[in-house]
Amino acid sequence: MASIKDVGKFFVFIAGGLVAIIVGSFMIRGTMHMWDNPEDDKDQKKD
């Protein structure tokens, strides 16, 4: 049977992985918007 510390480390590992995936997806989305042309961004805001 696993000790409480081992279970805690496992949950911290899972939580840290989820946070890393979420933050990474937002960073990728931000860089994609940076690469877009400014003219395209103005057209998209009107919709």
PDB file of N, CA and C in Angstrom:
ATOM      1  N   MET A   1       0.859  -1.197   0.000  1.00  0.00           N
ATOM      2  CA  MET A   1       0.000   0.000   0.000  1.00  0.00           C
ATOM      3  C   MET A   1       0.895   1.247   0.000  1.00  0.00           C
ATOM      4  N   ALA A   2       0.555   2.182  -0.859  1.00  0.00           N
ATOM      5  CA  ALA A   2       1.378   3.386  -0.994  1.00  0.00           C
ATOM      6  C   ALA A   2       1.181   4.306   0.209  1.00  0.00           C
ATOM      7  N   SER A   3       2.245   4.997   0.556  1.00  0.00           N
ATOM      8  CA  SER A   3       2.146   5.927   1.676  1.00  0.00           C
ATOM      9  C   SER A   3       1.484   7.227   1.222  1.00  0.00           C
ATOM     10  N   ILE A   4       1.096   8.034   2.186  1.00  0.00           N
ATOM     11  CA  ILE A   4       0.399   9.289   1.870  1.00  0.00           C
ATOM     12  C   ILE A   4       1.320  10.222   1.082  1.00  0.00           C
ATOM     13  N   LYS A   5       2.605  10.204   1.397  1.00  0.00           N
ATOM     14  CA  LYS A   5       3.540  11.076   0.676  1.00  0.00           C
ATOM     15  C   LYS A   5       3.641  10.682  -0.796  1.00  0.00           C
ATOM     16  N   ASP A   6       3.646   9.364  -1.073  1.00  0.00           N
ATOM     17  CA  ASP A   6       3.726   8.919  -2.467  1.00  0.00           C
ATOM     18  C   ASP A   6       2.477   9.335  -3.240  1.00  0.00           C
ATOM     19  N   VAL A   7       1.320   9.193  -2.606  1.00  0.00           N
ATOM     20  CA  VAL A   7       0.062   9.601  -3.253  1.00  0.00           C
ATOM     21  C   VAL A   7       0.068  11.112  -3.488  1.00  0.00           C
ATOM     22  N   GLY A   8       0.557  11.879  -2.520  1.00  0.00           N
ATOM     23  CA  GLY A   8       0.616  13.336  -2.661  1.00  0.00           C
ATOM     24  C   GLY A   8       1.531  13.740  -3.794  1.00  0.00           C
ATOM     25  N   LYS A   9       2.688  13.081  -3.900  1.00  0.00           N
ATOM     26  CA  LYS A   9       3.607  13.393  -5.002  1.00  0.00           C
ATOM     27  C   LYS A   9       2.962  13.090  -6.350  1.00  0.00           C
ATOM     28  N   PHE A  10       2.216  11.976  -6.409  1.00  0.00           N
ATOM     29  CA  PHE A  10       1.540  11.597  -7.658  1.00  0.00           C
ATOM     30  C   PHE A  10       0.526  12.665  -8.067  1.00  0.00           C
ATOM     31  N   PHE A  11      -0.295  13.121  -7.104  1.00  0.00           N
ATOM     32  CA  PHE A  11      -1.298  14.148  -7.419  1.00  0.00           C
ATOM     33  C   PHE A  11      -0.639  15.469  -7.806  1.00  0.00           C
ATOM     34  N   VAL A  12       0.457  15.833  -7.162  1.00  0.00           N
ATOM     35  CA  VAL A  12       1.174  17.060  -7.521  1.00  0.00           C
ATOM     36  C   VAL A  12       1.730  16.938  -8.933  1.00  0.00           C
ATOM     37  N   PHE A  13       2.214  15.747  -9.283  1.00  0.00           N
ATOM     38  CA  PHE A  13       2.738  15.517 -10.628  1.00  0.00           C
ATOM     39  C   PHE A  13       1.632  15.672 -11.676  1.00  0.00           C
ATOM     40  N   ILE A  14       0.463  15.097 -11.406  1.00  0.00           N
ATOM     41  CA  ILE A  14      -0.667  15.200 -12.338  1.00  0.00           C
ATOM     42  C   ILE A  14      -1.127  16.655 -12.448  1.00  0.00           C
ATOM     43  N   ALA A  15      -1.282  17.340 -11.314  1.00  0.00           N
ATOM     44  CA  ALA A  15      -1.744  18.735 -11.323  1.00  0.00           C
ATOM     45  C   ALA A  15      -0.740  19.617 -12.061  1.00  0.00           C
ATOM     46  N   GLY A  16       0.548  19.408 -11.807  1.00  0.00           N
ATOM     47  CA  GLY A  16       1.571  20.198 -12.498  1.00  0.00           C
ATOM     48  C   GLY A  16       1.553  19.957 -13.991  1.00  0.00           C
ATOM     49  N   GLY A  17       1.314  18.723 -14.393  1.00  0.00           N
ATOM     50  CA  GLY A  17       1.234  18.418 -15.829  1.00  0.00           C
ATOM     51  C   GLY A  17       0.053  19.115 -16.474  1.00  0.00           C
ATOM     52  N   LEU A  18      -1.095  19.093 -15.814  1.00  0.00           N
ATOM     53  CA  LEU A  18      -2.280  19.759 -16.372  1.00  0.00           C
ATOM     54  C   LEU A  18      -2.043  21.266 -16.488  1.00  0.00           C
ATOM     55  N   VAL A  19      -1.455  21.864 -15.468  1.00  0.00           N
ATOM     56  CA  VAL A  19      -1.171  23.310 -15.509  1.00  0.00           C
ATOM     57  C   VAL A  19      -0.204  23.616 -16.645  1.00  0.00           C
ATOM     58  N   ALA A  20       0.816  22.772 -16.825  1.00  0.00           N
ATOM     59  CA  ALA A  20       1.785  22.998 -17.892  1.00  0.00           C
ATOM     60  C   ALA A  20       1.115  22.912 -19.262  1.00  0.00           C
ATOM     61  N   ILE A  21       0.210  21.952 -19.440  1.00  0.00           N
ATOM     62  CA  ILE A  21      -0.493  21.813 -20.725  1.00  0.00           C
ATOM     63  C   ILE A  21      -1.371  23.032 -20.982  1.00  0.00           C
ATOM     64  N   ILE A  22      -2.098  23.491 -19.966  1.00  0.00           N
ATOM     65  CA  ILE A  22      -2.997  24.646 -20.139  1.00  0.00           C
ATOM     66  C   ILE A  22      -2.191  25.903 -20.453  1.00  0.00           C
ATOM     67  N   VAL A  23      -1.139  26.152 -19.680  1.00  0.00           N
ATOM     68  CA  VAL A  23      -0.309  27.338 -19.918  1.00  0.00           C
ATOM     69  C   VAL A  23       0.348  27.260 -21.291  1.00  0.00           C
ATOM     70  N   GLY A  24       0.825  26.079 -21.666  1.00  0.00           N
ATOM     71  CA  GLY A  24       1.454  25.914 -22.979  1.00  0.00           C
ATOM     72  C   GLY A  24       0.475  26.181 -24.107  1.00  0.00           C
ATOM     73  N   SER A  25      -0.765  25.727 -23.962  1.00  0.00           N
ATOM     74  CA  SER A  25      -1.746  25.957 -25.024  1.00  0.00           C
ATOM     75  C   SER A  25      -2.044  27.449 -25.170  1.00  0.00           C
ATOM     76  N   PHE A  26      -2.122  28.164 -24.047  1.00  0.00           N
ATOM     77  CA  PHE A  26      -2.353  29.609 -24.126  1.00  0.00           C
ATOM     78  C   PHE A  26      -1.163  30.322 -24.765  1.00  0.00           C
ATOM     79  N   MET A  27       0.062  29.870 -24.456  1.00  0.00           N
ATOM     80  CA  MET A  27       1.252  30.482 -25.054  1.00  0.00           C
ATOM     81  C   MET A  27       1.287  30.235 -26.559  1.00  0.00           C
ATOM     82  N   ILE A  28       0.940  29.022 -26.983  1.00  0.00           N
ATOM     83  CA  ILE A  28       0.919  28.717 -28.420  1.00  0.00           C
ATOM     84  C   ILE A  28      -0.134  29.574 -29.116  1.00  0.00           C
ATOM     85  N   ARG A  29      -1.306  29.705 -28.480  1.00  0.00           N
ATOM     86  CA  ARG A  29      -2.369  30.525 -29.063  1.00  0.00           C
ATOM     87  C   ARG A  29      -1.917  31.981 -29.174  1.00  0.00           C
ATOM     88  N   GLY A  30      -1.215  32.486 -28.163  1.00  0.00           N
ATOM     89  CA  GLY A  30      -0.733  33.868 -28.185  1.00  0.00           C
ATOM     90  C   GLY A  30       0.288  34.089 -29.284  1.00  0.00           C
ATOM     91  N   THR A  31       1.209  33.131 -29.470  1.00  0.00           N
ATOM     92  CA  THR A  31       2.206  33.299 -30.525  1.00  0.00           C
ATOM     93  C   THR A  31       1.557  33.217 -31.895  1.00  0.00           C
ATOM     94  N   MET A  32       0.526  32.408 -32.041  1.00  0.00           N
ATOM     95  CA  MET A  32      -0.181  32.331 -33.324  1.00  0.00           C
ATOM     96  C   MET A  32      -0.811  33.686 -33.659  1.00  0.00           C
ATOM     97  N   HIS A  33      -1.402  34.340 -32.640  1.00  0.00           N
ATOM     98  CA  HIS A  33      -1.994  35.658 -32.883  1.00  0.00           C
ATOM     99  C   HIS A  33      -0.907  36.693 -33.198  1.00  0.00           C
ATOM    100  N   MET A  34       0.257  36.557 -32.604  1.00  0.00           N
ATOM    101  CA  MET A  34       1.341  37.498 -32.885  1.00  0.00           C
ATOM    102  C   MET A  34       1.814  37.363 -34.328  1.00  0.00           C
ATOM    103  N   TRP A  35       1.778  36.115 -34.851  1.00  0.00           N
ATOM    104  CA  TRP A  35       2.246  35.904 -36.218  1.00  0.00           C
ATOM    105  C   TRP A  35       1.238  36.392 -37.251  1.00  0.00           C
ATOM    106  N   ASP A  36      -0.045  36.540 -36.851  1.00  0.00           N
ATOM    107  CA  ASP A  36      -1.053  37.007 -37.807  1.00  0.00           C
ATOM    108  C   ASP A  36      -0.761  38.447 -38.217  1.00  0.00           C
ATOM    109  N   ASN A  37      -1.220  38.810 -39.405  1.00  0.00           N
ATOM    110  CA  ASN A  37      -1.042  40.190 -39.872  1.00  0.00           C
ATOM    111  C   ASN A  37      -1.990  41.101 -39.095  1.00  0.00           C
ATOM    112  N   PRO A  38      -1.572  42.322 -38.757  1.00  0.00           N
ATOM    113  CA  PRO A  38      -2.460  43.244 -38.026  1.00  0.00           C
ATOM    114  C   PRO A  38      -3.746  43.525 -38.791  1.00  0.00           C
ATOM    115  N   GLU A  39      -3.687  43.544 -40.124  1.00  0.00           N
ATOM    116  CA  GLU A  39      -4.895  43.814 -40.910  1.00  0.00           C
ATOM    117  C   GLU A  39      -5.928  42.714 -40.681  1.00  0.00           C
ATOM    118  N   ASP A  40      -5.460  41.459 -40.570  1.00  0.00           N
ATOM    119  CA  ASP A  40      -6.374  40.349 -40.351  1.00  0.00           C
ATOM    120  C   ASP A  40      -7.038  40.464 -38.979  1.00  0.00           C
ATOM    121  N   ASP A  41      -6.289  40.893 -37.967  1.00  0.00           N
ATOM    122  CA  ASP A  41      -6.855  41.022 -36.633  1.00  0.00           C
ATOM    123  C   ASP A  41      -7.980  42.058 -36.611  1.00  0.00           C
ATOM    124  N   LYS A  42      -7.815  43.159 -37.326  1.00  0.00           N
ATOM    125  CA  LYS A  42      -8.861  44.190 -37.356  1.00  0.00           C
ATOM    126  C   LYS A  42     -10.136  43.651 -38.006  1.00  0.00           C
ATOM    127  N   ASP A  43      -9.986  42.843 -39.071  1.00  0.00           N
ATOM    128  CA  ASP A  43     -11.151  42.283 -39.738  1.00  0.00           C
ATOM    129  C   ASP A  43     -11.874  41.275 -38.825  1.00  0.00           C
ATOM    130  N   GLN A  44     -11.125  40.497 -38.045  1.00  0.00           N
ATOM    131  CA  GLN A  44     -11.730  39.483 -37.187  1.00  0.00           C
ATOM    132  C   GLN A  44     -12.480  40.119 -36.028  1.00  0.00           C
ATOM    133  N   LYS A  45     -12.056  41.265 -35.538  1.00  0.00           N
ATOM    134  CA  LYS A  45     -12.725  41.896 -34.403  1.00  0.00           C
ATOM    135  C   LYS A  45     -14.115  42.418 -34.799  1.00  0.00           C
ATOM    136  N   LYS A  46     -14.330  42.729 -36.071  1.00  0.00           N
ATOM    137  CA  LYS A  46     -15.636  43.225 -36.501  1.00  0.00           C
ATOM    138  C   LYS A  46     -16.700  42.137 -36.463  1.00  0.00           C
ATOM    139  N   ASP A  47     -16.292  40.870 -36.624  1.00  0.00           N
ATOM    140  CA  ASP A  47     -17.274  39.773 -36.681  1.00  0.00           C
ATOM    141  C   ASP A  47     -17.921  39.514 -35.337  1.00  0.00           C
TER     142      ASP A  47
END
